Amino acid sequence: MTRARGAVALLAAARDAASSMEPLCRSLHACGCATLCPAARPGVAPAALSGGLVESLEWLRSRHPGLPLGVYGVAEGATAALDAAASRPDLIDVLVVLAADAPLAALPLGRVCAATLLVAGRDDAAQLAAHRRALPRLPGARRLEIVPGAGDRADALAAQAVAHLAAQWFAQRLPLRALH
């Protein structure tokens, strides 16, 4: 019998953002989380990414009932993750959003039940302002972290800092469970 805290889907629409998730994968695996990487599809609208994410998570949940599920989204993937969490609040338990690229005001954030960590780069004033406006609209556990250099094209140091924050957020909120 294997034990895991849960599974975390890593969602990035751009290939370069997806390839930068290696530090996060290592951190998540070290704290007992399994990872799922739905295929990156550059140029796909967040709504389509959201639908694909929901399908992937439903498939995983059907095979492992009760398994806590988290999502880590970057840029378009972050917007899709928020959209999926709003459309299926029963499916996603924990959410980390980095550099959401769409106007967050248009999303029904009041329906997101997942514990949500918003991460914004200190130097991206527009994104930081959008995250600050979104934070009080999230009804559950939520936090905003500002990381120098963070974003969809973060340098190695910023990527490591974000990976550490995200892994902590998931580890604190995904309980250790037995997988059959």
Foldseek 3Di string as FASTA:
>chain_A
DAKALFEEEEDEQDPVLVVLCVLLCVLQVVLGYHYHYDDRHHPDALCVVLVVVLVVQVVVCVQFPPGAYEYEAAASGLVSRQQNQQVCVVRHAAYEHFAHHDQPVPHQQLSRAHQYEYEYEPPPVVSVVSVVVCQVSHDYHYDYHYFHQTHSNRDNVSSNVVSVVVSVRSSVGRGMDDTD
